[in-house]
Amino acid sequence: MATASLTHRLATLADLGVLRILMDASIFELQRPFLDPKQIESSRTIMGLDIQLFEDGTYFIVESGGQVAGCGGWSRRATLYGGDQAPGRNGAYLDPKQDPAKVRAMYTHPAYARKGIGRLILSLCESAARDEGFSKVELMATKSGEPLYLACGYKPIEQILDDRGGVPVPLIRMSKQLPFRSE
């Protein structure tokens, strides 16, 4: 599938139902080669939708032929990852002159994996963050997402085990310097 056949738009609260289904399928199917069943269940606690991204107008949906193929966004707030239900959230605004923007909640429907969805979402997020003055972005990658982020120029900063869902889940914090946009 060529990227040209993909369309994108900002997510609205009316999209919540379909996005929850997409995220559940993505976590269950795309994490299976990397995580055991208990880690996948734990992932559901620490990952998910963050309504703040919808309210901030920074969460994208990518569609192919009218079907939701993926979603993801970025944030000008301090929380690095996790859905509404995840503990340890921080809604403080970041300073674009010194803080990196956060790429958040990237999910691809398993039927559309490795077809350009993630790259398109990253491009949208990076462009929007750069437009707001950010020169760097960071994200928390799952093991299944790490190859995409490496291919898109992200560098690992640290590996962690997040056990807030009851079982430790391996994650990788990664960052990328955004290229200057020529006017």
N, C-alpha and C. Protein backbone atom coordinates (compact mmCIF):
# COMPACT_ATOMS: atom_id res chain seq x y z
N MET A 1 0.85 -1.18 0.00
CA MET A 1 0.00 0.00 0.00
C MET A 1 0.89 1.23 0.00
N ALA A 2 0.67 2.11 -0.90
CA ALA A 2 1.47 3.34 -0.99
C ALA A 2 0.93 4.38 -0.02
N THR A 3 1.82 5.19 0.50
CA THR A 3 1.43 6.24 1.43
C THR A 3 0.43 7.19 0.79
N ALA A 4 0.49 7.36 -0.54
CA ALA A 4 -0.41 8.28 -1.22
C ALA A 4 -1.87 7.90 -1.03
N SER A 5 -2.17 6.62 -0.77
CA SER A 5 -3.56 6.20 -0.59
C SER A 5 -4.05 6.45 0.83
N LEU A 6 -3.19 6.93 1.69
CA LEU A 6 -3.55 7.18 3.08
C LEU A 6 -4.02 8.61 3.26
N THR A 7 -5.01 8.77 4.12
CA THR A 7 -5.45 10.11 4.49
C THR A 7 -5.31 10.26 6.00
N HIS A 8 -5.26 11.49 6.47
CA HIS A 8 -5.15 11.71 7.90
C HIS A 8 -6.01 12.88 8.32
N ARG A 9 -6.34 12.88 9.60
CA ARG A 9 -7.13 13.95 10.19
C ARG A 9 -6.90 13.94 11.69
N LEU A 10 -7.33 15.01 12.35
CA LEU A 10 -7.26 15.03 13.80
C LEU A 10 -8.39 14.18 14.38
N ALA A 11 -8.09 13.49 15.45
CA ALA A 11 -9.09 12.67 16.12
C ALA A 11 -10.05 13.55 16.91
N THR A 12 -11.28 13.06 17.05
CA THR A 12 -12.29 13.72 17.87
C THR A 12 -12.78 12.72 18.91
N LEU A 13 -13.49 13.20 19.89
CA LEU A 13 -14.02 12.30 20.92
C LEU A 13 -14.97 11.26 20.33
N ALA A 14 -15.58 11.55 19.19
CA ALA A 14 -16.46 10.58 18.53
C ALA A 14 -15.68 9.35 18.04
N ASP A 15 -14.36 9.46 17.93
CA ASP A 15 -13.51 8.36 17.47
C ASP A 15 -13.11 7.40 18.58
N LEU A 16 -13.42 7.71 19.82
CA LEU A 16 -12.91 6.93 20.94
C LEU A 16 -13.20 5.43 20.82
N GLY A 17 -14.40 5.06 20.47
CA GLY A 17 -14.77 3.64 20.40
C GLY A 17 -13.92 2.87 19.40
N VAL A 18 -13.81 3.38 18.18
CA VAL A 18 -13.04 2.68 17.16
C VAL A 18 -11.55 2.66 17.51
N LEU A 19 -11.06 3.73 18.14
CA LEU A 19 -9.64 3.76 18.51
C LEU A 19 -9.33 2.79 19.64
N ARG A 20 -10.24 2.62 20.57
CA ARG A 20 -10.02 1.64 21.64
C ARG A 20 -9.93 0.22 21.06
N ILE A 21 -10.76 -0.08 20.09
CA ILE A 21 -10.72 -1.39 19.44
C ILE A 21 -9.39 -1.56 18.69
N LEU A 22 -8.99 -0.53 17.95
CA LEU A 22 -7.72 -0.58 17.22
C LEU A 22 -6.55 -0.78 18.18
N MET A 23 -6.51 -0.03 19.27
CA MET A 23 -5.41 -0.13 20.22
C MET A 23 -5.34 -1.51 20.85
N ASP A 24 -6.49 -2.05 21.21
CA ASP A 24 -6.52 -3.38 21.81
C ASP A 24 -5.97 -4.42 20.83
N ALA A 25 -6.39 -4.33 19.57
CA ALA A 25 -5.90 -5.27 18.56
C ALA A 25 -4.40 -5.10 18.35
N SER A 26 -3.94 -3.87 18.32
CA SER A 26 -2.53 -3.58 18.13
C SER A 26 -1.69 -4.14 19.28
N ILE A 27 -2.10 -3.87 20.51
CA ILE A 27 -1.36 -4.38 21.66
C ILE A 27 -1.35 -5.90 21.64
N PHE A 28 -2.50 -6.51 21.42
CA PHE A 28 -2.60 -7.97 21.47
C PHE A 28 -1.80 -8.65 20.35
N GLU A 29 -1.96 -8.19 19.14
CA GLU A 29 -1.33 -8.87 17.99
C GLU A 29 0.12 -8.48 17.78
N LEU A 30 0.43 -7.20 17.79
CA LEU A 30 1.77 -6.75 17.42
C LEU A 30 2.80 -6.94 18.53
N GLN A 31 2.33 -7.09 19.77
CA GLN A 31 3.26 -7.32 20.88
C GLN A 31 3.55 -8.82 21.11
N ARG A 32 2.74 -9.70 20.54
CA ARG A 32 2.89 -11.14 20.82
C ARG A 32 4.27 -11.70 20.51
N PRO A 33 4.97 -11.27 19.45
CA PRO A 33 6.31 -11.81 19.23
C PRO A 33 7.34 -11.35 20.29
N PHE A 34 6.99 -10.36 21.10
CA PHE A 34 7.95 -9.75 22.02
C PHE A 34 7.61 -9.96 23.50
N LEU A 35 6.32 -10.15 23.79
CA LEU A 35 5.87 -10.23 25.17
C LEU A 35 5.08 -11.50 25.42
N ASP A 36 5.10 -11.98 26.66
CA ASP A 36 4.27 -13.13 27.01
C ASP A 36 2.86 -12.62 27.34
N PRO A 37 1.88 -13.53 27.47
CA PRO A 37 0.49 -13.09 27.71
C PRO A 37 0.31 -12.20 28.94
N LYS A 38 1.05 -12.45 30.01
CA LYS A 38 0.92 -11.61 31.21
C LYS A 38 1.47 -10.21 30.96
N GLN A 39 2.54 -10.11 30.19
CA GLN A 39 3.09 -8.79 29.86
C GLN A 39 2.13 -8.03 28.94
N ILE A 40 1.48 -8.74 28.03
CA ILE A 40 0.50 -8.08 27.15
C ILE A 40 -0.65 -7.53 27.99
N GLU A 41 -1.13 -8.31 28.93
CA GLU A 41 -2.20 -7.83 29.81
C GLU A 41 -1.73 -6.62 30.62
N SER A 42 -0.52 -6.68 31.13
CA SER A 42 0.05 -5.56 31.87
C SER A 42 0.16 -4.31 30.99
N SER A 43 0.47 -4.52 29.72
CA SER A 43 0.58 -3.41 28.76
C SER A 43 -0.72 -2.64 28.64
N ARG A 44 -1.82 -3.32 28.76
CA ARG A 44 -3.13 -2.66 28.64
C ARG A 44 -3.33 -1.64 29.76
N THR A 45 -2.68 -1.86 30.91
CA THR A 45 -2.80 -0.92 32.02
C THR A 45 -1.93 0.31 31.80
N ILE A 46 -0.74 0.12 31.25
CA ILE A 46 0.19 1.24 31.14
C ILE A 46 0.11 1.98 29.80
N MET A 47 -0.60 1.41 28.82
CA MET A 47 -0.74 2.05 27.51
C MET A 47 -2.19 2.49 27.32
N GLY A 48 -2.46 3.15 26.21
CA GLY A 48 -3.84 3.48 25.90
C GLY A 48 -4.05 4.93 25.53
N LEU A 49 -5.31 5.29 25.44
CA LEU A 49 -5.72 6.63 25.02
C LEU A 49 -5.48 7.68 26.11
N ASP A 50 -5.06 8.83 25.68
CA ASP A 50 -4.93 9.99 26.55
C ASP A 50 -5.82 11.07 25.96
N ILE A 51 -6.95 11.29 26.59
CA ILE A 51 -7.94 12.25 26.09
C ILE A 51 -7.35 13.66 25.99
N GLN A 52 -6.34 13.96 26.80
CA GLN A 52 -5.71 15.28 26.74
C GLN A 52 -5.18 15.57 25.33
N LEU A 53 -4.67 14.55 24.63
CA LEU A 53 -4.17 14.74 23.27
C LEU A 53 -5.29 15.15 22.32
N PHE A 54 -6.48 14.60 22.51
CA PHE A 54 -7.64 14.98 21.70
C PHE A 54 -7.98 16.44 21.98
N GLU A 55 -8.05 16.78 23.28
CA GLU A 55 -8.42 18.14 23.67
C GLU A 55 -7.39 19.17 23.20
N ASP A 56 -6.12 18.76 23.14
CA ASP A 56 -5.05 19.66 22.69
C ASP A 56 -4.96 19.74 21.17
N GLY A 57 -5.70 18.90 20.46
CA GLY A 57 -5.67 18.90 18.99
C GLY A 57 -4.35 18.38 18.43
N THR A 58 -3.78 17.38 19.10
CA THR A 58 -2.48 16.85 18.68
C THR A 58 -2.51 15.34 18.41
N TYR A 59 -3.70 14.78 18.21
CA TYR A 59 -3.80 13.33 18.00
C TYR A 59 -4.38 13.06 16.62
N PHE A 60 -3.65 12.27 15.85
CA PHE A 60 -4.00 12.00 14.45
C PHE A 60 -4.59 10.61 14.25
N ILE A 61 -5.45 10.53 13.26
CA ILE A 61 -5.96 9.24 12.76
C ILE A 61 -5.53 9.14 11.31
N VAL A 62 -5.02 7.97 10.94
CA VAL A 62 -4.69 7.68 9.55
C VAL A 62 -5.69 6.64 9.05
N GLU A 63 -6.26 6.93 7.88
CA GLU A 63 -7.25 6.03 7.29
C GLU A 63 -6.77 5.55 5.92
N SER A 64 -7.21 4.37 5.59
CA SER A 64 -6.95 3.80 4.28
C SER A 64 -8.28 3.27 3.75
N GLY A 65 -8.73 3.82 2.65
CA GLY A 65 -10.00 3.38 2.09
C GLY A 65 -11.16 3.54 3.06
N GLY A 66 -11.12 4.57 3.88
CA GLY A 66 -12.20 4.82 4.84
C GLY A 66 -12.09 4.02 6.12
N GLN A 67 -11.10 3.14 6.23
CA GLN A 67 -10.90 2.34 7.44
C GLN A 67 -9.80 2.97 8.29
N VAL A 68 -10.00 3.00 9.60
CA VAL A 68 -8.97 3.50 10.50
C VAL A 68 -7.82 2.49 10.52
N ALA A 69 -6.65 2.93 10.07
CA ALA A 69 -5.48 2.06 9.96
C ALA A 69 -4.49 2.29 11.09
N GLY A 70 -4.51 3.47 11.68
CA GLY A 70 -3.57 3.77 12.75
C GLY A 70 -3.88 5.09 13.40
N CYS A 71 -3.19 5.34 14.50
CA CYS A 71 -3.38 6.59 15.23
C CYS A 71 -2.12 6.89 16.03
N GLY A 72 -1.97 8.12 16.38
CA GLY A 72 -0.84 8.54 17.20
C GLY A 72 -0.80 10.05 17.26
N GLY A 73 -0.05 10.55 18.21
CA GLY A 73 0.01 11.98 18.35
C GLY A 73 1.26 12.45 19.03
N TRP A 74 1.24 13.69 19.39
CA TRP A 74 2.36 14.30 20.07
C TRP A 74 1.81 15.20 21.15
N SER A 75 2.69 15.60 22.06
CA SER A 75 2.22 16.44 23.15
C SER A 75 3.23 17.51 23.51
N ARG A 76 2.69 18.62 23.92
CA ARG A 76 3.49 19.72 24.46
C ARG A 76 3.45 19.68 25.98
N ARG A 77 3.02 18.54 26.52
CA ARG A 77 2.92 18.34 27.97
C ARG A 77 3.96 17.31 28.44
N ALA A 78 4.18 17.25 29.75
CA ALA A 78 5.30 16.48 30.31
C ALA A 78 5.11 14.96 30.29
N THR A 79 3.89 14.45 30.31
CA THR A 79 3.70 13.00 30.33
C THR A 79 4.34 12.38 29.10
N LEU A 80 5.19 11.37 29.30
CA LEU A 80 5.89 10.73 28.19
C LEU A 80 5.05 9.63 27.54
N TYR A 81 4.31 8.88 28.34
CA TYR A 81 3.50 7.81 27.78
C TYR A 81 2.44 7.38 28.78
N GLY A 82 1.48 6.63 28.30
CA GLY A 82 0.43 6.09 29.15
C GLY A 82 -0.92 6.70 28.86
N GLY A 83 -1.93 5.89 29.03
CA GLY A 83 -3.30 6.33 28.81
C GLY A 83 -3.87 7.04 30.02
N ASP A 84 -5.13 7.44 29.91
CA ASP A 84 -5.82 8.15 30.98
C ASP A 84 -5.76 7.40 32.31
N GLN A 85 -5.80 6.07 32.23
CA GLN A 85 -5.86 5.25 33.43
C GLN A 85 -4.48 5.01 34.05
N ALA A 86 -3.40 5.34 33.35
CA ALA A 86 -2.05 5.07 33.84
C ALA A 86 -1.68 6.03 34.96
N PRO A 87 -1.10 5.51 36.05
CA PRO A 87 -0.66 6.40 37.13
C PRO A 87 0.57 7.21 36.73
N GLY A 88 0.81 8.29 37.46
CA GLY A 88 2.03 9.08 37.26
C GLY A 88 1.98 10.08 36.12
N ARG A 89 0.82 10.55 35.78
CA ARG A 89 0.68 11.50 34.67
C ARG A 89 1.06 12.91 35.12
N ASN A 90 1.53 13.72 34.16
CA ASN A 90 1.92 15.09 34.46
C ASN A 90 1.49 15.97 33.28
N GLY A 91 0.49 16.80 33.50
CA GLY A 91 -0.05 17.65 32.44
C GLY A 91 0.63 18.99 32.30
N ALA A 92 1.77 19.20 32.97
CA ALA A 92 2.47 20.48 32.88
C ALA A 92 2.95 20.73 31.45
N TYR A 93 2.87 21.98 31.02
CA TYR A 93 3.34 22.34 29.69
C TYR A 93 4.87 22.34 29.63
N LEU A 94 5.40 21.93 28.49
CA LEU A 94 6.83 21.91 28.23
C LEU A 94 7.28 23.24 27.65
N ASP A 95 8.55 23.56 27.80
CA ASP A 95 9.15 24.74 27.21
C ASP A 95 9.86 24.31 25.93
N PRO A 96 9.35 24.70 24.74
CA PRO A 96 9.96 24.24 23.49
C PRO A 96 11.44 24.63 23.34
N LYS A 97 11.86 25.65 24.07
CA LYS A 97 13.26 26.08 23.96
C LYS A 97 14.22 25.13 24.69
N GLN A 98 13.69 24.36 25.64
CA GLN A 98 14.58 23.47 26.39
C GLN A 98 14.08 22.04 26.51
N ASP A 99 12.79 21.78 26.34
CA ASP A 99 12.25 20.44 26.51
C ASP A 99 11.93 19.79 25.17
N PRO A 100 12.01 18.48 25.10
CA PRO A 100 11.55 17.80 23.89
C PRO A 100 10.03 17.60 23.92
N ALA A 101 9.41 17.73 22.76
CA ALA A 101 7.99 17.36 22.64
C ALA A 101 7.91 15.84 22.80
N LYS A 102 6.73 15.35 23.12
CA LYS A 102 6.55 13.91 23.34
C LYS A 102 5.70 13.31 22.22
N VAL A 103 6.20 12.28 21.57
CA VAL A 103 5.39 11.51 20.63
C VAL A 103 4.66 10.48 21.46
N ARG A 104 3.34 10.36 21.27
CA ARG A 104 2.52 9.58 22.20
C ARG A 104 1.56 8.64 21.48
N ALA A 105 1.27 7.55 22.13
CA ALA A 105 0.16 6.64 21.80
C ALA A 105 0.09 6.29 20.32
N MET A 106 1.17 5.73 19.81
CA MET A 106 1.23 5.30 18.41
C MET A 106 0.71 3.85 18.31
N TYR A 107 -0.30 3.66 17.48
CA TYR A 107 -0.88 2.33 17.28
C TYR A 107 -1.21 2.13 15.82
N THR A 108 -0.92 0.94 15.32
CA THR A 108 -1.29 0.56 13.96
C THR A 108 -2.15 -0.69 14.04
N HIS A 109 -3.25 -0.69 13.29
CA HIS A 109 -4.06 -1.91 13.23
C HIS A 109 -3.20 -3.01 12.62
N PRO A 110 -3.25 -4.22 13.16
CA PRO A 110 -2.41 -5.30 12.64
C PRO A 110 -2.55 -5.55 11.14
N ALA A 111 -3.72 -5.31 10.57
CA ALA A 111 -3.93 -5.50 9.13
C ALA A 111 -3.14 -4.50 8.30
N TYR A 112 -2.68 -3.42 8.91
CA TYR A 112 -1.96 -2.36 8.20
C TYR A 112 -0.51 -2.23 8.65
N ALA A 113 -0.02 -3.18 9.44
CA ALA A 113 1.35 -3.11 9.93
C ALA A 113 2.34 -3.14 8.76
N ARG A 114 3.39 -2.34 8.91
CA ARG A 114 4.48 -2.26 7.94
C ARG A 114 4.01 -1.80 6.56
N LYS A 115 3.09 -0.84 6.56
CA LYS A 115 2.58 -0.28 5.30
C LYS A 115 2.66 1.24 5.28
N GLY A 116 3.51 1.81 6.11
CA GLY A 116 3.73 3.26 6.09
C GLY A 116 2.91 4.07 7.07
N ILE A 117 2.06 3.41 7.84
CA ILE A 117 1.19 4.13 8.78
C ILE A 117 2.02 4.84 9.86
N GLY A 118 2.89 4.09 10.51
CA GLY A 118 3.71 4.65 11.58
C GLY A 118 4.60 5.78 11.10
N ARG A 119 5.20 5.61 9.94
CA ARG A 119 6.07 6.67 9.38
C ARG A 119 5.27 7.94 9.12
N LEU A 120 4.06 7.79 8.59
CA LEU A 120 3.22 8.95 8.33
C LEU A 120 2.87 9.67 9.63
N ILE A 121 2.47 8.91 10.64
CA ILE A 121 2.11 9.53 11.92
C ILE A 121 3.32 10.24 12.52
N LEU A 122 4.49 9.60 12.51
CA LEU A 122 5.69 10.25 13.03
C LEU A 122 5.97 11.55 12.29
N SER A 123 5.83 11.52 10.98
CA SER A 123 6.06 12.72 10.17
C SER A 123 5.10 13.84 10.57
N LEU A 124 3.83 13.52 10.75
CA LEU A 124 2.84 14.51 11.16
C LEU A 124 3.18 15.10 12.54
N CYS A 125 3.55 14.22 13.47
CA CYS A 125 3.89 14.65 14.82
C CYS A 125 5.13 15.54 14.83
N GLU A 126 6.16 15.10 14.14
CA GLU A 126 7.41 15.86 14.12
C GLU A 126 7.21 17.23 13.48
N SER A 127 6.46 17.27 12.40
CA SER A 127 6.20 18.54 11.72
C SER A 127 5.42 19.50 12.61
N ALA A 128 4.38 19.00 13.28
CA ALA A 128 3.57 19.85 14.15
C ALA A 128 4.38 20.34 15.35
N ALA A 129 5.20 19.49 15.92
CA ALA A 129 6.04 19.89 17.06
C ALA A 129 7.05 20.95 16.63
N ARG A 130 7.66 20.75 15.47
CA ARG A 130 8.63 21.72 14.95
C ARG A 130 7.93 23.06 14.70
N ASP A 131 6.70 23.02 14.17
CA ASP A 131 5.95 24.26 13.92
C ASP A 131 5.69 25.04 15.21
N GLU A 132 5.66 24.35 16.35
CA GLU A 132 5.45 25.02 17.64
C GLU A 132 6.75 25.35 18.35
N GLY A 133 7.87 25.21 17.65
CA GLY A 133 9.15 25.64 18.20
C GLY A 133 9.99 24.57 18.86
N PHE A 134 9.54 23.32 18.86
CA PHE A 134 10.33 22.26 19.46
C PHE A 134 11.43 21.83 18.49
N SER A 135 12.62 21.58 19.02
CA SER A 135 13.74 21.13 18.18
C SER A 135 14.09 19.68 18.44
N LYS A 136 13.41 19.07 19.40
CA LYS A 136 13.70 17.69 19.74
C LYS A 136 12.39 17.01 20.16
N VAL A 137 12.30 15.72 19.89
CA VAL A 137 11.15 14.91 20.34
C VAL A 137 11.68 13.68 21.04
N GLU A 138 10.84 13.14 21.92
CA GLU A 138 11.17 11.86 22.54
C GLU A 138 9.90 11.03 22.67
N LEU A 139 10.11 9.73 22.85
CA LEU A 139 8.99 8.81 22.97
C LEU A 139 9.42 7.62 23.80
N MET A 140 8.44 6.84 24.22
CA MET A 140 8.70 5.59 24.90
C MET A 140 8.24 4.48 23.96
N ALA A 141 9.20 3.70 23.49
CA ALA A 141 8.93 2.67 22.49
C ALA A 141 8.67 1.31 23.14
N THR A 142 7.78 0.57 22.52
CA THR A 142 7.64 -0.84 22.84
C THR A 142 8.68 -1.60 22.02
N LYS A 143 8.87 -2.86 22.34
CA LYS A 143 9.81 -3.67 21.57
C LYS A 143 9.35 -3.79 20.11
N SER A 144 8.04 -3.85 19.88
CA SER A 144 7.56 -3.97 18.50
C SER A 144 7.72 -2.67 17.72
N GLY A 145 7.71 -1.53 18.40
CA GLY A 145 7.86 -0.24 17.74
C GLY A 145 9.30 0.19 17.53
N GLU A 146 10.21 -0.37 18.30
CA GLU A 146 11.61 0.05 18.26
C GLU A 146 12.22 0.03 16.86
N PRO A 147 12.01 -1.00 16.04
CA PRO A 147 12.63 -0.98 14.70
C PRO A 147 12.17 0.21 13.84
N LEU A 148 10.91 0.57 13.91
CA LEU A 148 10.41 1.72 13.17
C LEU A 148 11.10 2.99 13.64
N TYR A 149 11.17 3.19 14.93
CA TYR A 149 11.75 4.42 15.45
C TYR A 149 13.24 4.51 15.12
N LEU A 150 13.95 3.41 15.21
CA LEU A 150 15.37 3.41 14.81
C LEU A 150 15.50 3.79 13.34
N ALA A 151 14.65 3.21 12.49
CA ALA A 151 14.71 3.50 11.05
C ALA A 151 14.37 4.96 10.75
N CYS A 152 13.61 5.61 11.65
CA CYS A 152 13.22 7.00 11.45
C CYS A 152 14.15 7.98 12.17
N GLY A 153 15.29 7.49 12.64
CA GLY A 153 16.30 8.38 13.22
C GLY A 153 16.27 8.57 14.72
N TYR A 154 15.44 7.83 15.43
CA TYR A 154 15.39 7.94 16.89
C TYR A 154 16.55 7.14 17.49
N LYS A 155 17.10 7.67 18.57
CA LYS A 155 18.22 7.05 19.27
C LYS A 155 17.76 6.61 20.66
N PRO A 156 18.15 5.40 21.08
CA PRO A 156 17.80 4.95 22.43
C PRO A 156 18.50 5.79 23.50
N ILE A 157 17.77 6.11 24.56
CA ILE A 157 18.31 6.84 25.70
C ILE A 157 18.46 5.89 26.89
N GLU A 158 17.39 5.13 27.15
CA GLU A 158 17.41 4.19 28.28
C GLU A 158 16.37 3.10 28.07
N GLN A 159 16.63 1.96 28.66
CA GLN A 159 15.67 0.87 28.68
C GLN A 159 15.11 0.78 30.09
N ILE A 160 13.81 0.55 30.18
CA ILE A 160 13.18 0.42 31.49
C ILE A 160 12.27 -0.80 31.49
N LEU A 161 11.86 -1.19 32.69
CA LEU A 161 10.82 -2.18 32.88
C LEU A 161 9.70 -1.48 33.65
N ASP A 162 8.53 -1.38 33.05
CA ASP A 162 7.39 -0.72 33.70
C ASP A 162 6.50 -1.82 34.28
N ASP A 163 6.41 -1.85 35.60
CA ASP A 163 5.62 -2.90 36.25
C ASP A 163 4.32 -2.36 36.86
N ARG A 164 3.91 -1.16 36.45
CA ARG A 164 2.68 -0.57 37.00
C ARG A 164 1.44 -1.37 36.65
N GLY A 165 1.52 -2.22 35.64
CA GLY A 165 0.39 -3.07 35.27
C GLY A 165 0.40 -4.41 35.96
N GLY A 166 1.38 -4.64 36.85
CA GLY A 166 1.45 -5.88 37.61
C GLY A 166 2.59 -6.79 37.20
N VAL A 167 2.99 -6.74 35.93
CA VAL A 167 4.08 -7.56 35.40
C VAL A 167 5.01 -6.62 34.63
N PRO A 168 6.32 -6.74 34.80
CA PRO A 168 7.24 -5.84 34.10
C PRO A 168 7.15 -5.95 32.58
N VAL A 169 7.05 -4.79 31.92
CA VAL A 169 7.00 -4.70 30.46
C VAL A 169 8.23 -3.90 30.02
N PRO A 170 9.05 -4.46 29.10
CA PRO A 170 10.23 -3.72 28.65
C PRO A 170 9.85 -2.58 27.70
N LEU A 171 10.44 -1.41 27.93
CA LEU A 171 10.21 -0.23 27.11
C LEU A 171 11.54 0.48 26.88
N ILE A 172 11.62 1.27 25.82
CA ILE A 172 12.84 1.98 25.48
C ILE A 172 12.52 3.46 25.26
N ARG A 173 13.11 4.33 26.07
CA ARG A 173 12.95 5.77 25.85
C ARG A 173 13.92 6.16 24.74
N MET A 174 13.39 6.89 23.74
CA MET A 174 14.18 7.26 22.57
C MET A 174 13.98 8.74 22.26
N SER A 175 14.95 9.33 21.56
CA SER A 175 14.81 10.74 21.20
C SER A 175 15.35 10.98 19.79
N LYS A 176 14.97 12.15 19.27
CA LYS A 176 15.40 12.54 17.93
C LYS A 176 15.50 14.06 17.89
N GLN A 177 16.58 14.54 17.31
CA GLN A 177 16.74 15.97 17.03
C GLN A 177 15.98 16.26 15.74
N LEU A 178 15.13 17.26 15.76
CA LEU A 178 14.37 17.60 14.55
C LEU A 178 15.21 18.48 13.64
N PRO A 179 15.22 18.17 12.35
CA PRO A 179 15.98 19.05 11.44
C PRO A 179 15.31 20.41 11.33
N PHE A 180 16.14 21.41 11.10
CA PHE A 180 15.60 22.76 10.91
C PHE A 180 14.79 22.77 9.63
N ARG A 181 13.69 23.48 9.65
CA ARG A 181 12.87 23.61 8.46
C ARG A 181 13.35 24.81 7.69
N SER A 182 13.65 24.62 6.41
CA SER A 182 14.06 25.76 5.58
C SER A 182 12.80 26.49 5.13
N GLU A 183 12.83 27.76 5.24
CA GLU A 183 11.65 28.59 4.90
C GLU A 183 11.63 28.88 3.43
